[in-house]
Amino acid sequence: MLYIERGAIDHLFAAEALPTGRSLALRGPVLHDVQLAQAVRRLHETLDRVDADAGLQLEQQARFVEVLFGVLARYGAPAPAGLRMGAEACCVARAREYLDEHLGEPVTLLDLAAAVGLSPFYFLRTFKRATGLPPHAYQNQLRLARARRLLSLGEPPARVAAGLGFVDQSHLTRRFKAAFGVTPGQYAYVERPGCTGAAPAHCA
């Protein structure tokens, strides 16, 4: 169950062309929507996670906002008005810089929105439209790219994981292998000078 306070809705959609005072009523007590149901399930799975990943809170908030707008846009009575999706290249650039500067820290959707001067929902939609990714997925790509660079410089995987906000080394390993096809240890070995082919003793 999700119980959402009216104040939270007003804050998330502040400065949008969303007449929340008129669109909180839903059409019918039961909604049959497979796509929206899957989005709600993913949101609950994310909310159930209790790990210490630096990007978890950002992912939770992004999924929550997307579900909330999905409900209001599809089943609000009347539906929300159209979004103002103008060019926001400057705001997106500032958001990218902010994420890059805070890779190892827990960043929230509210932090990002405040940093670029947009409401949370407007920022989320603008960022995703400009980059093709929600902020938490973009942040994950940044962290993995930074991890790859640090590993190539000889940083131990455990230190890289701790410095970039991963839960632990195994968490980094799962994400790294999914993205690049090798583990951090394997990547670091290949990148070390003189370490090619079967691992010689001096490269272990």
Protein backbone atom coordinates (compact mmCIF):
# COMPACT_ATOMS: atom_id res chain seq x y z
CA MET A 1 0.00 0.00 0.00
CA LEU A 2 1.12 3.54 -0.73
CA TYR A 3 -0.39 6.47 1.13
CA ILE A 4 0.60 9.77 -0.48
CA GLU A 5 0.00 13.07 1.27
CA ARG A 6 -1.54 15.86 -0.77
CA GLY A 7 1.31 18.16 0.20
CA ALA A 8 3.83 15.76 -1.33
CA ILE A 9 1.94 15.80 -4.62
CA ASP A 10 1.76 19.60 -4.66
CA HIS A 11 5.50 19.84 -3.95
CA LEU A 12 6.54 17.34 -6.62
CA PHE A 13 4.46 18.98 -9.31
CA ALA A 14 5.04 22.58 -8.30
CA ALA A 15 5.35 24.99 -11.24
CA GLU A 16 3.89 22.45 -13.66
CA ALA A 17 0.76 22.86 -15.72
CA LEU A 18 -0.86 20.15 -13.61
CA PRO A 19 -4.14 21.19 -12.00
CA THR A 20 -3.74 18.78 -9.09
CA GLY A 21 -6.73 20.27 -7.33
CA ARG A 22 -8.90 18.96 -10.14
CA SER A 23 -7.01 15.79 -11.12
CA LEU A 24 -6.73 13.89 -7.82
CA ALA A 25 -10.04 12.13 -8.41
CA LEU A 26 -9.53 8.84 -10.27
CA ARG A 27 -11.94 7.23 -12.69
CA GLY A 28 -13.18 4.19 -10.81
CA PRO A 29 -11.96 2.43 -7.65
CA VAL A 30 -10.17 -0.33 -9.63
CA LEU A 31 -7.78 0.33 -12.52
CA HIS A 32 -6.77 -2.40 -14.98
CA ASP A 33 -3.43 -1.37 -16.49
CA VAL A 34 -0.67 -3.95 -16.94
CA GLN A 35 2.06 -1.41 -17.74
CA LEU A 36 1.23 0.77 -14.75
CA ALA A 37 0.95 -2.29 -12.51
CA GLN A 38 4.47 -3.32 -13.53
CA ALA A 39 5.75 0.18 -12.74
CA VAL A 40 4.12 0.00 -9.29
CA ARG A 41 5.67 -3.42 -8.69
CA ARG A 42 9.14 -2.10 -9.62
CA LEU A 43 8.60 0.83 -7.27
CA HIS A 44 7.70 -1.49 -4.38
CA GLU A 45 10.74 -3.68 -5.09
CA THR A 46 12.95 -0.61 -4.96
CA LEU A 47 11.31 0.65 -1.76
CA ASP A 48 11.86 -2.77 -0.15
CA ARG A 49 15.61 -2.55 -0.69
CA VAL A 50 17.57 -1.57 2.40
CA ASP A 51 21.12 -1.60 1.05
CA ALA A 52 23.46 1.35 1.41
CA ASP A 53 23.94 2.05 -2.29
CA ALA A 54 24.48 5.76 -2.87
CA GLY A 55 22.04 5.78 -5.77
CA LEU A 56 19.16 3.97 -4.07
CA GLN A 57 17.27 7.00 -2.78
CA LEU A 58 17.46 8.72 -6.16
CA GLU A 59 16.09 5.61 -7.88
CA GLN A 60 13.27 5.27 -5.33
CA GLN A 61 12.17 8.86 -5.77
CA ALA A 62 12.37 8.74 -9.56
CA ARG A 63 10.23 5.60 -9.73
CA PHE A 64 7.74 7.10 -7.29
CA VAL A 65 7.33 10.28 -9.35
CA GLU A 66 6.92 8.31 -12.57
CA VAL A 67 4.23 6.09 -11.04
CA LEU A 68 2.40 9.07 -9.56
CA PHE A 69 2.32 10.94 -12.85
CA GLY A 70 1.32 7.77 -14.70
CA VAL A 71 -1.74 7.41 -12.47
CA LEU A 72 -2.75 11.07 -12.79
CA ALA A 73 -2.06 11.32 -16.53
CA ARG A 74 -3.99 8.18 -17.45
CA TYR A 75 -6.78 8.11 -14.91
CA GLY A 76 -7.09 11.59 -13.43
CA ALA A 77 -10.47 13.26 -13.82
CA PRO A 78 -9.71 15.37 -15.76
CA ALA A 79 -6.24 14.38 -16.97
CA PRO A 80 -3.31 16.74 -16.23
CA ALA A 81 -2.63 19.45 -18.74
CA GLY A 82 0.28 19.16 -21.12
CA LEU A 83 3.84 19.48 -19.89
CA ARG A 84 6.10 22.38 -20.72
CA MET A 85 8.99 20.39 -22.21
CA GLY A 86 11.08 23.20 -23.63
CA ALA A 87 14.84 23.17 -24.20
CA GLU A 88 16.54 22.88 -20.80
CA ALA A 89 20.11 22.13 -21.93
CA CYS A 90 21.65 24.37 -19.27
CA CYS A 91 19.74 22.71 -16.44
CA VAL A 92 20.61 19.23 -17.67
CA ALA A 93 24.28 20.19 -17.95
CA ARG A 94 24.26 21.47 -14.36
CA ALA A 95 22.59 18.27 -13.20
CA ARG A 96 25.27 16.18 -14.91
CA GLU A 97 27.97 18.21 -13.20
CA TYR A 98 26.24 17.80 -9.85
CA LEU A 99 26.03 14.02 -10.25
CA ASP A 100 29.66 13.84 -11.31
CA GLU A 101 30.76 15.85 -8.27
CA HIS A 102 28.74 13.70 -5.83
CA LEU A 103 29.30 10.19 -7.20
CA GLY A 104 29.98 8.58 -3.84
CA GLU A 105 27.22 10.39 -1.96
CA PRO A 106 23.49 9.69 -1.62
CA VAL A 107 21.84 12.14 -4.04
CA THR A 108 18.09 12.69 -3.98
CA LEU A 109 15.74 13.87 -6.68
CA LEU A 110 15.01 16.92 -4.53
CA ASP A 111 18.75 17.70 -4.36
CA LEU A 112 19.07 17.63 -8.14
CA ALA A 113 15.92 19.63 -8.77
CA ALA A 114 16.99 22.31 -6.29
CA ALA A 115 20.49 22.46 -7.80
CA VAL A 116 19.11 23.29 -11.24
CA GLY A 117 16.13 25.39 -10.15
CA LEU A 118 13.32 23.15 -11.40
CA SER A 119 10.50 21.31 -9.68
CA PRO A 120 11.28 17.60 -9.12
CA PHE A 121 8.84 16.30 -11.71
CA TYR A 122 9.75 18.83 -14.39
CA PHE A 123 13.44 18.11 -13.81
CA LEU A 124 12.93 14.34 -14.04
CA ARG A 125 11.05 14.55 -17.33
CA THR A 126 13.49 17.10 -18.79
CA PHE A 127 16.57 15.09 -17.80
CA LYS A 128 15.19 11.84 -19.16
CA ARG A 129 14.16 13.48 -22.40
CA ALA A 130 17.61 15.04 -22.90
CA THR A 131 19.76 12.03 -21.91
CA GLY A 132 17.49 9.07 -22.61
CA LEU A 133 17.97 7.91 -19.02
CA PRO A 134 16.45 8.68 -15.63
CA PRO A 135 18.94 10.33 -13.22
CA HIS A 136 19.67 7.15 -11.23
CA ALA A 137 20.57 5.19 -14.38
CA TYR A 138 22.76 8.03 -15.62
CA GLN A 139 24.42 8.20 -12.20
CA ASN A 140 25.13 4.46 -12.37
CA GLN A 141 26.84 4.90 -15.74
CA LEU A 142 28.99 7.69 -14.32
CA ARG A 143 29.99 5.57 -11.34
CA LEU A 144 30.93 2.60 -13.53
CA ALA A 145 32.96 4.81 -15.88
CA ARG A 146 34.80 6.29 -12.90
CA ALA A 147 35.35 2.80 -11.47
CA ARG A 148 36.88 1.64 -14.74
CA ARG A 149 39.27 4.60 -14.78
CA LEU A 150 40.32 4.07 -11.14
CA LEU A 151 40.86 0.34 -11.70
CA SER A 152 43.05 1.06 -14.72
CA LEU A 153 45.15 3.31 -12.46
CA GLY A 154 45.71 0.44 -10.03
CA GLU A 155 43.11 1.19 -7.34
CA PRO A 156 41.95 -2.01 -5.54
CA PRO A 157 38.33 -2.98 -6.30
CA ALA A 158 37.34 -2.78 -2.62
CA ARG A 159 38.59 0.81 -2.36
CA VAL A 160 36.90 1.75 -5.63
CA ALA A 161 33.59 0.30 -4.41
CA ALA A 162 33.76 2.21 -1.12
CA GLY A 163 34.77 5.47 -2.75
CA LEU A 164 31.99 5.43 -5.32
CA GLY A 165 29.13 4.58 -2.99
CA PHE A 166 28.58 0.93 -3.88
CA VAL A 167 27.27 -1.24 -1.07
CA ASP A 168 30.39 -3.41 -1.13
CA GLN A 169 32.86 -5.00 -3.55
CA SER A 170 30.40 -7.69 -4.63
CA HIS A 171 27.86 -5.01 -5.54
CA LEU A 172 30.46 -3.27 -7.70
CA THR A 173 31.36 -6.61 -9.27
CA ARG A 174 27.75 -7.35 -10.27
CA ARG A 175 27.21 -3.93 -11.79
CA PHE A 176 30.62 -3.84 -13.47
CA LYS A 177 30.30 -7.28 -15.04
CA ALA A 178 26.78 -6.54 -16.28
CA ALA A 179 28.05 -3.39 -17.99
CA PHE A 180 31.45 -4.52 -19.32
CA GLY A 181 31.35 -8.33 -19.37
CA VAL A 182 34.29 -8.77 -16.97
CA THR A 183 34.77 -8.41 -13.22
CA PRO A 184 36.66 -5.44 -11.78
CA GLY A 185 39.56 -7.76 -10.89
CA GLN A 186 39.75 -9.13 -14.42
CA TYR A 187 39.60 -5.63 -15.89
CA ALA A 188 42.31 -4.36 -13.56
CA TYR A 189 44.54 -7.33 -14.47
CA VAL A 190 44.20 -6.73 -18.22
CA GLU A 191 44.92 -3.03 -17.77
CA ARG A 192 48.13 -3.58 -15.77
CA PRO A 193 51.32 -3.20 -17.85
CA GLY A 194 52.84 -6.53 -18.81
CA CYS A 195 49.80 -8.55 -17.71
CA THR A 196 48.43 -10.27 -20.78
CA GLY A 197 47.40 -13.83 -21.49
CA ALA A 198 47.54 -16.31 -18.62
CA ALA A 199 48.21 -14.56 -15.32
CA PRO A 200 51.93 -14.84 -14.45
CA ALA A 201 53.00 -14.90 -10.84
CA HIS A 202 54.09 -11.26 -10.77
CA CYS A 203 50.63 -10.13 -11.98
CA ALA A 204 48.53 -12.10 -9.51
